[in-house]
Amino acid sequence: MNVVESELVAKETRDALLPHGTPVSEGFVGSGYGMRTDPFTGEMSMHTGVDFAAPVGTPILAAAGGVVVSAETRPDFGNMVEIDHGKGVSTMYAHTSRMLVKSGDIVRKGQKIAEVGTTGRSTGPHLHFEVHVNGVPQNPSKYLASLRSGEVGYMLSAAAPAASSTK
C-alpha cells in the first residue's frame, strides 16, 4: 500500500467512526442544544442534546461505527443506548421504545440500533441524541452537518440520515 492509499484508508476509517449523519430519517428537530425552559419544572436548564420528534417505532441509526458501552433503562433517559466511537467520542440515543443492541456489540454507521419511543422523562415520542467528547456534552449540530445548526422545526426529510440502510 502506498502513502496515498494509506491516507485514503485512514480517512475512510475516521469518517466511519465520527458522527455526521442524522440518526433518524423522518420527523423534525423538536428541541436544540443549549439553554431552554425545562418542560417539567418551567425553569431554565441546559439541554445537552438535540431532540428529534418522530413517530414511535421510527428506526434509530448509529450515527457512526463503534462499540455499544451501554444499553439500559434509566429513570431520566428511559431506554437508552450509548456508543463509544474511540478517541474520546461517544453518542447517546435516549427515550427509545425498543433497544436492538446490547452492551459489547460492535455497530457500523447506519445500523439500526433502536426505535423511537417516549420512555423515561419524556413529553412525547422523540429521540434525544447527544455527542460527548471526553465525557463532555457537545452541540451535536457541530457533527451533523445536515442538521443546519439544530434549527428547531427543521424537517428531517431534507437531512442526510446516517445511512440509507435500516438493518
N, C-alpha and C. Protein backbone atom coordinates (compact mmCIF):
# COMPACT_ATOMS: atom_id res chain seq x y z
N MET A 1 0.85 -1.17 0.00
CA MET A 1 0.00 0.00 0.00
C MET A 1 0.90 1.24 0.00
N ASN A 2 0.62 2.17 -0.91
CA ASN A 2 1.43 3.39 -0.95
C ASN A 2 0.86 4.43 0.01
N VAL A 3 1.52 5.58 0.10
CA VAL A 3 1.13 6.62 1.05
C VAL A 3 -0.27 7.15 0.75
N VAL A 4 -0.60 7.35 -0.52
CA VAL A 4 -1.92 7.87 -0.88
C VAL A 4 -3.01 6.87 -0.47
N GLU A 5 -2.80 5.59 -0.78
CA GLU A 5 -3.78 4.57 -0.40
C GLU A 5 -3.93 4.50 1.11
N SER A 6 -2.81 4.59 1.81
CA SER A 6 -2.82 4.55 3.27
C SER A 6 -3.62 5.72 3.85
N GLU A 7 -3.43 6.91 3.29
CA GLU A 7 -4.18 8.09 3.75
C GLU A 7 -5.67 7.95 3.46
N LEU A 8 -6.02 7.39 2.31
CA LEU A 8 -7.43 7.18 1.97
C LEU A 8 -8.09 6.21 2.94
N VAL A 9 -7.40 5.13 3.27
CA VAL A 9 -7.93 4.16 4.24
C VAL A 9 -8.11 4.83 5.60
N ALA A 10 -7.13 5.63 6.02
CA ALA A 10 -7.21 6.32 7.30
C ALA A 10 -8.40 7.28 7.32
N LYS A 11 -8.61 8.02 6.21
CA LYS A 11 -9.74 8.95 6.13
C LYS A 11 -11.07 8.20 6.17
N GLU A 12 -11.18 7.09 5.44
CA GLU A 12 -12.42 6.30 5.45
C GLU A 12 -12.71 5.77 6.86
N THR A 13 -11.66 5.35 7.56
CA THR A 13 -11.83 4.85 8.93
C THR A 13 -12.31 5.97 9.85
N ARG A 14 -11.67 7.15 9.76
CA ARG A 14 -12.10 8.30 10.57
C ARG A 14 -13.55 8.66 10.29
N ASP A 15 -13.92 8.70 9.00
CA ASP A 15 -15.29 9.06 8.62
C ASP A 15 -16.30 8.06 9.18
N ALA A 16 -15.94 6.79 9.20
CA ALA A 16 -16.86 5.76 9.70
C ALA A 16 -17.06 5.86 11.21
N LEU A 17 -16.08 6.44 11.92
CA LEU A 17 -16.13 6.48 13.38
C LEU A 17 -16.51 7.84 13.95
N LEU A 18 -16.75 8.84 13.08
CA LEU A 18 -17.20 10.15 13.56
C LEU A 18 -18.65 10.36 13.16
N PRO A 19 -19.49 10.79 14.11
CA PRO A 19 -20.89 11.01 13.77
C PRO A 19 -21.04 12.18 12.80
N HIS A 20 -21.74 11.96 11.68
CA HIS A 20 -22.00 13.07 10.78
C HIS A 20 -23.25 12.89 9.92
N GLY A 21 -24.12 11.97 10.29
CA GLY A 21 -25.41 11.83 9.64
C GLY A 21 -26.48 11.81 10.71
N THR A 22 -27.69 12.27 10.39
CA THR A 22 -28.75 12.28 11.40
C THR A 22 -29.14 10.84 11.76
N PRO A 23 -29.42 10.58 13.05
CA PRO A 23 -29.73 9.22 13.49
C PRO A 23 -31.16 8.77 13.18
N VAL A 24 -32.01 9.66 12.71
CA VAL A 24 -33.35 9.30 12.24
C VAL A 24 -33.57 9.99 10.90
N SER A 25 -34.41 9.39 10.06
CA SER A 25 -34.59 9.96 8.72
C SER A 25 -35.94 10.65 8.53
N GLU A 26 -36.77 10.64 9.56
CA GLU A 26 -38.05 11.35 9.45
C GLU A 26 -38.35 12.07 10.75
N GLY A 27 -39.28 13.01 10.68
CA GLY A 27 -39.63 13.81 11.84
C GLY A 27 -39.05 15.21 11.72
N PHE A 28 -38.83 15.85 12.88
CA PHE A 28 -38.28 17.21 12.86
C PHE A 28 -37.52 17.46 14.16
N VAL A 29 -36.70 18.52 14.17
CA VAL A 29 -35.97 18.90 15.37
C VAL A 29 -36.96 19.58 16.30
N GLY A 30 -37.21 18.95 17.45
CA GLY A 30 -38.17 19.49 18.41
C GLY A 30 -37.54 20.40 19.44
N SER A 31 -36.28 20.16 19.74
CA SER A 31 -35.57 20.98 20.72
C SER A 31 -34.08 20.89 20.43
N GLY A 32 -33.42 22.03 20.41
CA GLY A 32 -31.99 22.06 20.12
C GLY A 32 -31.14 22.01 21.37
N TYR A 33 -29.83 22.04 21.15
CA TYR A 33 -28.83 22.03 22.22
C TYR A 33 -28.75 23.43 22.83
N GLY A 34 -28.63 23.51 24.15
CA GLY A 34 -28.43 24.79 24.82
C GLY A 34 -29.44 25.04 25.92
N MET A 35 -29.41 26.26 26.43
CA MET A 35 -30.33 26.64 27.50
C MET A 35 -31.76 26.69 26.96
N ARG A 36 -32.69 26.17 27.78
CA ARG A 36 -34.10 26.18 27.40
C ARG A 36 -34.94 26.08 28.67
N THR A 37 -36.23 26.31 28.52
CA THR A 37 -37.16 26.13 29.63
C THR A 37 -37.45 24.65 29.76
N ASP A 38 -37.16 24.09 30.93
CA ASP A 38 -37.41 22.67 31.18
C ASP A 38 -38.92 22.43 31.15
N PRO A 39 -39.40 21.47 30.33
CA PRO A 39 -40.84 21.25 30.22
C PRO A 39 -41.49 20.70 31.49
N PHE A 40 -40.69 20.19 32.42
CA PHE A 40 -41.24 19.62 33.65
C PHE A 40 -41.21 20.61 34.81
N THR A 41 -40.15 21.43 34.89
CA THR A 41 -40.00 22.35 36.02
C THR A 41 -40.37 23.79 35.67
N GLY A 42 -40.34 24.13 34.38
CA GLY A 42 -40.59 25.50 33.96
C GLY A 42 -39.40 26.42 34.17
N GLU A 43 -38.28 25.86 34.65
CA GLU A 43 -37.08 26.66 34.89
C GLU A 43 -36.09 26.50 33.75
N MET A 44 -35.20 27.49 33.60
CA MET A 44 -34.16 27.41 32.58
C MET A 44 -33.14 26.34 32.99
N SER A 45 -32.77 25.51 32.03
CA SER A 45 -31.75 24.48 32.29
C SER A 45 -31.05 24.15 30.98
N MET A 46 -29.90 23.52 31.10
CA MET A 46 -29.11 23.15 29.93
C MET A 46 -29.67 21.88 29.31
N HIS A 47 -29.94 21.93 28.01
CA HIS A 47 -30.37 20.75 27.25
C HIS A 47 -29.15 20.28 26.50
N THR A 48 -28.63 19.12 26.87
CA THR A 48 -27.32 18.66 26.38
C THR A 48 -27.37 17.83 25.11
N GLY A 49 -28.48 17.90 24.39
CA GLY A 49 -28.58 17.16 23.14
C GLY A 49 -29.53 17.84 22.19
N VAL A 50 -29.91 17.10 21.15
CA VAL A 50 -30.90 17.55 20.18
C VAL A 50 -32.04 16.53 20.21
N ASP A 51 -33.27 17.01 20.26
CA ASP A 51 -34.44 16.13 20.24
C ASP A 51 -35.01 16.07 18.83
N PHE A 52 -35.14 14.85 18.31
CA PHE A 52 -35.75 14.61 17.01
C PHE A 52 -37.14 14.04 17.26
N ALA A 53 -38.19 14.83 17.05
CA ALA A 53 -39.56 14.34 17.21
C ALA A 53 -39.89 13.46 16.02
N ALA A 54 -40.38 12.25 16.30
CA ALA A 54 -40.70 11.29 15.24
C ALA A 54 -41.70 10.28 15.81
N PRO A 55 -42.43 9.59 14.95
CA PRO A 55 -43.40 8.60 15.43
C PRO A 55 -42.73 7.44 16.18
N VAL A 56 -43.45 6.91 17.17
CA VAL A 56 -42.98 5.72 17.89
C VAL A 56 -42.68 4.62 16.86
N GLY A 57 -41.54 3.98 17.03
CA GLY A 57 -41.15 2.89 16.14
C GLY A 57 -40.25 3.31 14.99
N THR A 58 -40.06 4.63 14.79
CA THR A 58 -39.16 5.11 13.74
C THR A 58 -37.76 4.54 14.00
N PRO A 59 -37.10 3.98 12.98
CA PRO A 59 -35.76 3.43 13.17
C PRO A 59 -34.76 4.49 13.62
N ILE A 60 -33.92 4.11 14.58
CA ILE A 60 -32.80 4.95 15.03
C ILE A 60 -31.54 4.28 14.52
N LEU A 61 -30.71 5.05 13.80
CA LEU A 61 -29.50 4.52 13.19
C LEU A 61 -28.26 5.04 13.91
N ALA A 62 -27.25 4.19 14.04
CA ALA A 62 -25.98 4.62 14.62
C ALA A 62 -25.40 5.72 13.74
N ALA A 63 -25.09 6.86 14.34
CA ALA A 63 -24.53 7.99 13.58
C ALA A 63 -23.10 7.73 13.14
N ALA A 64 -22.46 6.73 13.74
CA ALA A 64 -21.10 6.34 13.39
C ALA A 64 -20.85 4.94 13.95
N GLY A 65 -19.83 4.28 13.45
CA GLY A 65 -19.48 2.96 13.94
C GLY A 65 -18.84 3.02 15.31
N GLY A 66 -18.90 1.91 16.05
CA GLY A 66 -18.28 1.87 17.36
C GLY A 66 -18.72 0.66 18.15
N VAL A 67 -18.52 0.74 19.47
CA VAL A 67 -18.86 -0.34 20.39
C VAL A 67 -19.93 0.15 21.35
N VAL A 68 -20.99 -0.62 21.50
CA VAL A 68 -22.06 -0.28 22.45
C VAL A 68 -21.50 -0.47 23.86
N VAL A 69 -21.47 0.61 24.64
CA VAL A 69 -20.96 0.53 26.02
C VAL A 69 -22.10 0.45 27.03
N SER A 70 -23.31 0.82 26.58
CA SER A 70 -24.45 0.75 27.48
C SER A 70 -25.73 0.63 26.66
N ALA A 71 -26.60 -0.25 27.08
CA ALA A 71 -27.95 -0.38 26.52
C ALA A 71 -28.82 -0.74 27.72
N GLU A 72 -29.41 0.27 28.34
CA GLU A 72 -30.09 0.07 29.61
C GLU A 72 -31.24 1.05 29.77
N THR A 73 -32.01 0.86 30.83
CA THR A 73 -33.11 1.75 31.15
C THR A 73 -32.70 2.60 32.35
N ARG A 74 -32.87 3.92 32.21
CA ARG A 74 -32.57 4.87 33.28
C ARG A 74 -33.82 5.70 33.56
N PRO A 75 -33.98 6.18 34.81
CA PRO A 75 -35.19 6.95 35.13
C PRO A 75 -35.36 8.20 34.26
N ASP A 76 -34.28 8.90 33.96
CA ASP A 76 -34.37 10.14 33.19
C ASP A 76 -34.43 9.91 31.69
N PHE A 77 -33.55 9.07 31.17
CA PHE A 77 -33.45 8.85 29.73
C PHE A 77 -34.28 7.67 29.23
N GLY A 78 -34.90 6.93 30.12
CA GLY A 78 -35.65 5.75 29.70
C GLY A 78 -34.72 4.74 29.06
N ASN A 79 -35.20 4.06 28.04
CA ASN A 79 -34.34 3.10 27.32
C ASN A 79 -33.32 3.90 26.53
N MET A 80 -32.03 3.65 26.79
CA MET A 80 -31.00 4.42 26.11
C MET A 80 -29.83 3.54 25.69
N VAL A 81 -29.20 3.95 24.60
CA VAL A 81 -28.03 3.26 24.05
C VAL A 81 -26.89 4.27 23.98
N GLU A 82 -25.71 3.85 24.42
CA GLU A 82 -24.51 4.69 24.31
C GLU A 82 -23.47 3.93 23.51
N ILE A 83 -22.87 4.62 22.53
CA ILE A 83 -21.86 4.02 21.66
C ILE A 83 -20.55 4.78 21.80
N ASP A 84 -19.46 4.03 22.01
CA ASP A 84 -18.11 4.59 22.06
C ASP A 84 -17.52 4.48 20.65
N HIS A 85 -17.13 5.63 20.10
CA HIS A 85 -16.58 5.67 18.74
C HIS A 85 -15.05 5.77 18.74
N GLY A 86 -14.44 5.73 19.91
CA GLY A 86 -12.98 5.82 20.01
C GLY A 86 -12.52 7.26 20.08
N LYS A 87 -11.28 7.44 20.49
CA LYS A 87 -10.65 8.76 20.60
C LYS A 87 -11.49 9.74 21.43
N GLY A 88 -12.19 9.22 22.45
CA GLY A 88 -12.95 10.06 23.36
C GLY A 88 -14.33 10.48 22.88
N VAL A 89 -14.75 10.03 21.69
CA VAL A 89 -16.05 10.43 21.13
C VAL A 89 -17.09 9.35 21.41
N SER A 90 -18.25 9.76 21.92
CA SER A 90 -19.36 8.82 22.13
C SER A 90 -20.67 9.51 21.78
N THR A 91 -21.68 8.69 21.48
CA THR A 91 -23.02 9.21 21.21
C THR A 91 -24.02 8.49 22.09
N MET A 92 -25.13 9.18 22.39
CA MET A 92 -26.17 8.61 23.24
C MET A 92 -27.53 8.81 22.57
N TYR A 93 -28.35 7.78 22.63
CA TYR A 93 -29.66 7.75 21.99
C TYR A 93 -30.67 7.39 23.08
N ALA A 94 -31.56 8.34 23.45
CA ALA A 94 -32.42 8.13 24.62
C ALA A 94 -33.91 8.18 24.29
N HIS A 95 -34.71 7.65 25.23
CA HIS A 95 -36.17 7.59 25.20
C HIS A 95 -36.68 6.58 24.17
N THR A 96 -35.87 5.59 23.82
CA THR A 96 -36.25 4.63 22.78
C THR A 96 -37.36 3.70 23.27
N SER A 97 -38.18 3.25 22.33
CA SER A 97 -39.23 2.28 22.67
C SER A 97 -38.66 0.87 22.72
N ARG A 98 -37.61 0.66 21.94
CA ARG A 98 -37.01 -0.67 21.86
C ARG A 98 -35.53 -0.54 21.52
N MET A 99 -34.69 -1.26 22.28
CA MET A 99 -33.25 -1.30 22.00
C MET A 99 -32.95 -2.59 21.25
N LEU A 100 -32.20 -2.48 20.17
CA LEU A 100 -31.91 -3.64 19.33
C LEU A 100 -30.47 -4.12 19.45
N VAL A 101 -29.70 -3.49 20.34
CA VAL A 101 -28.31 -3.86 20.57
C VAL A 101 -28.11 -4.04 22.07
N LYS A 102 -26.97 -4.64 22.42
CA LYS A 102 -26.64 -4.81 23.84
C LYS A 102 -25.20 -4.39 24.07
N SER A 103 -24.86 -4.18 25.31
CA SER A 103 -23.50 -3.78 25.68
C SER A 103 -22.50 -4.77 25.10
N GLY A 104 -21.45 -4.24 24.48
CA GLY A 104 -20.41 -5.07 23.88
C GLY A 104 -20.57 -5.29 22.39
N ASP A 105 -21.76 -5.01 21.85
CA ASP A 105 -21.97 -5.17 20.41
C ASP A 105 -21.13 -4.16 19.63
N ILE A 106 -20.62 -4.59 18.49
CA ILE A 106 -19.94 -3.70 17.56
C ILE A 106 -20.97 -3.30 16.51
N VAL A 107 -21.12 -1.99 16.31
CA VAL A 107 -22.09 -1.49 15.34
C VAL A 107 -21.39 -0.69 14.25
N ARG A 108 -22.02 -0.65 13.10
CA ARG A 108 -21.47 0.14 11.99
C ARG A 108 -22.36 1.36 11.77
N LYS A 109 -21.81 2.36 11.14
CA LYS A 109 -22.57 3.57 10.82
C LYS A 109 -23.80 3.18 10.01
N GLY A 110 -24.96 3.70 10.42
CA GLY A 110 -26.20 3.44 9.70
C GLY A 110 -26.94 2.19 10.14
N GLN A 111 -26.36 1.42 11.07
CA GLN A 111 -27.03 0.21 11.55
C GLN A 111 -28.20 0.60 12.44
N LYS A 112 -29.33 -0.08 12.30
CA LYS A 112 -30.49 0.16 13.16
C LYS A 112 -30.17 -0.36 14.55
N ILE A 113 -30.20 0.54 15.54
CA ILE A 113 -29.82 0.18 16.91
C ILE A 113 -31.00 0.24 17.88
N ALA A 114 -32.05 0.96 17.50
CA ALA A 114 -33.20 1.14 18.40
C ALA A 114 -34.36 1.72 17.60
N GLU A 115 -35.47 1.98 18.32
CA GLU A 115 -36.63 2.62 17.71
C GLU A 115 -37.10 3.76 18.60
N VAL A 116 -37.58 4.82 17.97
CA VAL A 116 -38.05 6.00 18.70
C VAL A 116 -39.17 5.61 19.66
N GLY A 117 -39.15 6.24 20.83
CA GLY A 117 -40.18 6.00 21.83
C GLY A 117 -40.41 7.22 22.69
N THR A 118 -40.96 7.00 23.87
CA THR A 118 -41.22 8.09 24.81
C THR A 118 -41.05 7.59 26.24
N THR A 119 -39.96 6.84 26.47
CA THR A 119 -39.68 6.28 27.80
C THR A 119 -38.90 7.29 28.64
N GLY A 120 -38.95 7.10 29.95
CA GLY A 120 -38.23 7.99 30.86
C GLY A 120 -38.91 9.34 30.98
N ARG A 121 -38.12 10.36 31.23
CA ARG A 121 -38.62 11.73 31.43
C ARG A 121 -38.83 12.36 30.05
N SER A 122 -39.99 12.12 29.48
CA SER A 122 -40.27 12.50 28.10
C SER A 122 -41.67 13.08 27.99
N THR A 123 -41.84 14.05 27.10
CA THR A 123 -43.15 14.67 26.91
C THR A 123 -43.87 14.14 25.67
N GLY A 124 -43.22 13.27 24.91
CA GLY A 124 -43.82 12.70 23.71
C GLY A 124 -42.77 11.94 22.93
N PRO A 125 -43.17 11.22 21.88
CA PRO A 125 -42.22 10.39 21.14
C PRO A 125 -41.13 11.22 20.46
N HIS A 126 -39.90 10.89 20.78
CA HIS A 126 -38.75 11.56 20.16
C HIS A 126 -37.48 10.80 20.49
N LEU A 127 -36.43 11.13 19.77
CA LEU A 127 -35.08 10.65 20.08
C LEU A 127 -34.31 11.82 20.67
N HIS A 128 -33.78 11.63 21.87
CA HIS A 128 -32.85 12.60 22.46
C HIS A 128 -31.46 12.09 22.09
N PHE A 129 -30.70 12.89 21.33
CA PHE A 129 -29.40 12.48 20.80
C PHE A 129 -28.31 13.39 21.35
N GLU A 130 -27.26 12.78 21.91
CA GLU A 130 -26.13 13.55 22.45
C GLU A 130 -24.83 13.07 21.83
N VAL A 131 -23.87 14.00 21.71
CA VAL A 131 -22.49 13.70 21.32
C VAL A 131 -21.62 14.17 22.48
N HIS A 132 -20.71 13.29 22.94
CA HIS A 132 -19.79 13.63 24.02
C HIS A 132 -18.36 13.49 23.52
N VAL A 133 -17.49 14.40 23.94
CA VAL A 133 -16.05 14.29 23.68
C VAL A 133 -15.37 14.30 25.04
N ASN A 134 -14.68 13.22 25.34
CA ASN A 134 -14.04 13.04 26.65
C ASN A 134 -15.04 13.26 27.79
N GLY A 135 -16.27 12.75 27.59
CA GLY A 135 -17.30 12.81 28.62
C GLY A 135 -18.05 14.13 28.71
N VAL A 136 -17.68 15.11 27.90
CA VAL A 136 -18.31 16.43 27.96
C VAL A 136 -19.31 16.57 26.81
N PRO A 137 -20.59 16.90 27.11
CA PRO A 137 -21.57 17.06 26.04
C PRO A 137 -21.17 18.17 25.07
N GLN A 138 -21.35 17.89 23.78
CA GLN A 138 -21.06 18.85 22.71
C GLN A 138 -22.36 19.14 21.96
N ASN A 139 -22.39 20.22 21.22
CA ASN A 139 -23.55 20.51 20.38
C ASN A 139 -23.52 19.53 19.21
N PRO A 140 -24.49 18.60 19.13
CA PRO A 140 -24.49 17.62 18.04
C PRO A 140 -24.50 18.25 16.65
N SER A 141 -25.03 19.47 16.54
CA SER A 141 -25.09 20.13 15.24
C SER A 141 -23.70 20.37 14.65
N LYS A 142 -22.68 20.46 15.51
CA LYS A 142 -21.31 20.63 15.02
C LYS A 142 -20.84 19.39 14.27
N TYR A 143 -21.42 18.25 14.58
CA TYR A 143 -21.02 16.98 13.97
C TYR A 143 -21.97 16.57 12.85
N LEU A 144 -23.22 16.96 12.95
CA LEU A 144 -24.22 16.56 11.97
C LEU A 144 -24.47 17.71 11.01
N ALA A 145 -23.63 17.81 9.99
CA ALA A 145 -23.67 18.94 9.06
C ALA A 145 -25.04 19.15 8.45
N SER A 146 -25.77 18.06 8.24
CA SER A 146 -27.08 18.16 7.59
C SER A 146 -28.14 18.77 8.51
N LEU A 147 -27.80 19.01 9.77
CA LEU A 147 -28.79 19.45 10.75
C LEU A 147 -29.05 20.96 10.74
N ARG A 148 -28.27 21.73 10.01
CA ARG A 148 -28.44 23.19 9.94
C ARG A 148 -28.47 23.80 11.34
N SER A 149 -27.44 23.51 12.11
CA SER A 149 -27.26 24.09 13.44
C SER A 149 -28.36 23.74 14.43
N GLY A 150 -29.05 22.63 14.23
CA GLY A 150 -30.06 22.20 15.19
C GLY A 150 -31.30 23.08 15.21
N GLU A 151 -31.59 23.70 14.09
CA GLU A 151 -32.72 24.61 13.97
C GLU A 151 -34.03 23.91 14.36
N VAL A 152 -34.69 24.42 15.40
CA VAL A 152 -35.94 23.83 15.86
C VAL A 152 -36.98 23.92 14.74
N GLY A 153 -37.68 22.82 14.51
CA GLY A 153 -38.68 22.76 13.46
C GLY A 153 -38.14 22.26 12.13
N TYR A 154 -36.81 22.11 12.04
CA TYR A 154 -36.21 21.66 10.78
C TYR A 154 -36.68 20.25 10.46
N MET A 155 -37.29 20.08 9.28
CA MET A 155 -37.81 18.78 8.85
C MET A 155 -36.66 17.89 8.39
N LEU A 156 -36.66 16.64 8.84
CA LEU A 156 -35.55 15.74 8.55
C LEU A 156 -35.60 15.10 7.18
N SER A 157 -36.70 15.20 6.46
CA SER A 157 -36.74 14.58 5.14
C SER A 157 -35.67 15.17 4.23
N ALA A 158 -35.24 16.41 4.51
CA ALA A 158 -34.20 17.06 3.72
C ALA A 158 -32.81 16.77 4.26
N ALA A 159 -32.72 16.21 5.45
CA ALA A 159 -31.43 15.94 6.07
C ALA A 159 -30.89 14.59 5.62
N ALA A 160 -29.58 14.45 5.68
CA ALA A 160 -28.95 13.18 5.29
C ALA A 160 -28.93 12.25 6.49
N PRO A 161 -29.64 11.10 6.42
CA PRO A 161 -29.59 10.15 7.53
C PRO A 161 -28.20 9.52 7.64
N ALA A 162 -27.95 8.85 8.75
CA ALA A 162 -26.66 8.21 8.98
C ALA A 162 -26.34 7.24 7.85
N ALA A 163 -27.33 6.62 7.29
CA ALA A 163 -27.17 5.73 6.12
C ALA A 163 -28.55 5.38 5.62
N SER A 164 -28.65 4.92 4.41
CA SER A 164 -29.96 4.57 3.89
C SER A 164 -30.41 3.20 4.39
N SER A 165 -29.50 2.45 4.97
CA SER A 165 -29.81 1.12 5.48
C SER A 165 -30.59 1.22 6.78
N THR A 166 -31.56 0.33 6.98
CA THR A 166 -32.29 0.28 8.25
C THR A 166 -32.17 -1.11 8.86
N LYS A 167 -31.05 -1.74 8.64
CA LYS A 167 -30.82 -3.10 9.17
C LYS A 167 -30.71 -3.07 10.67
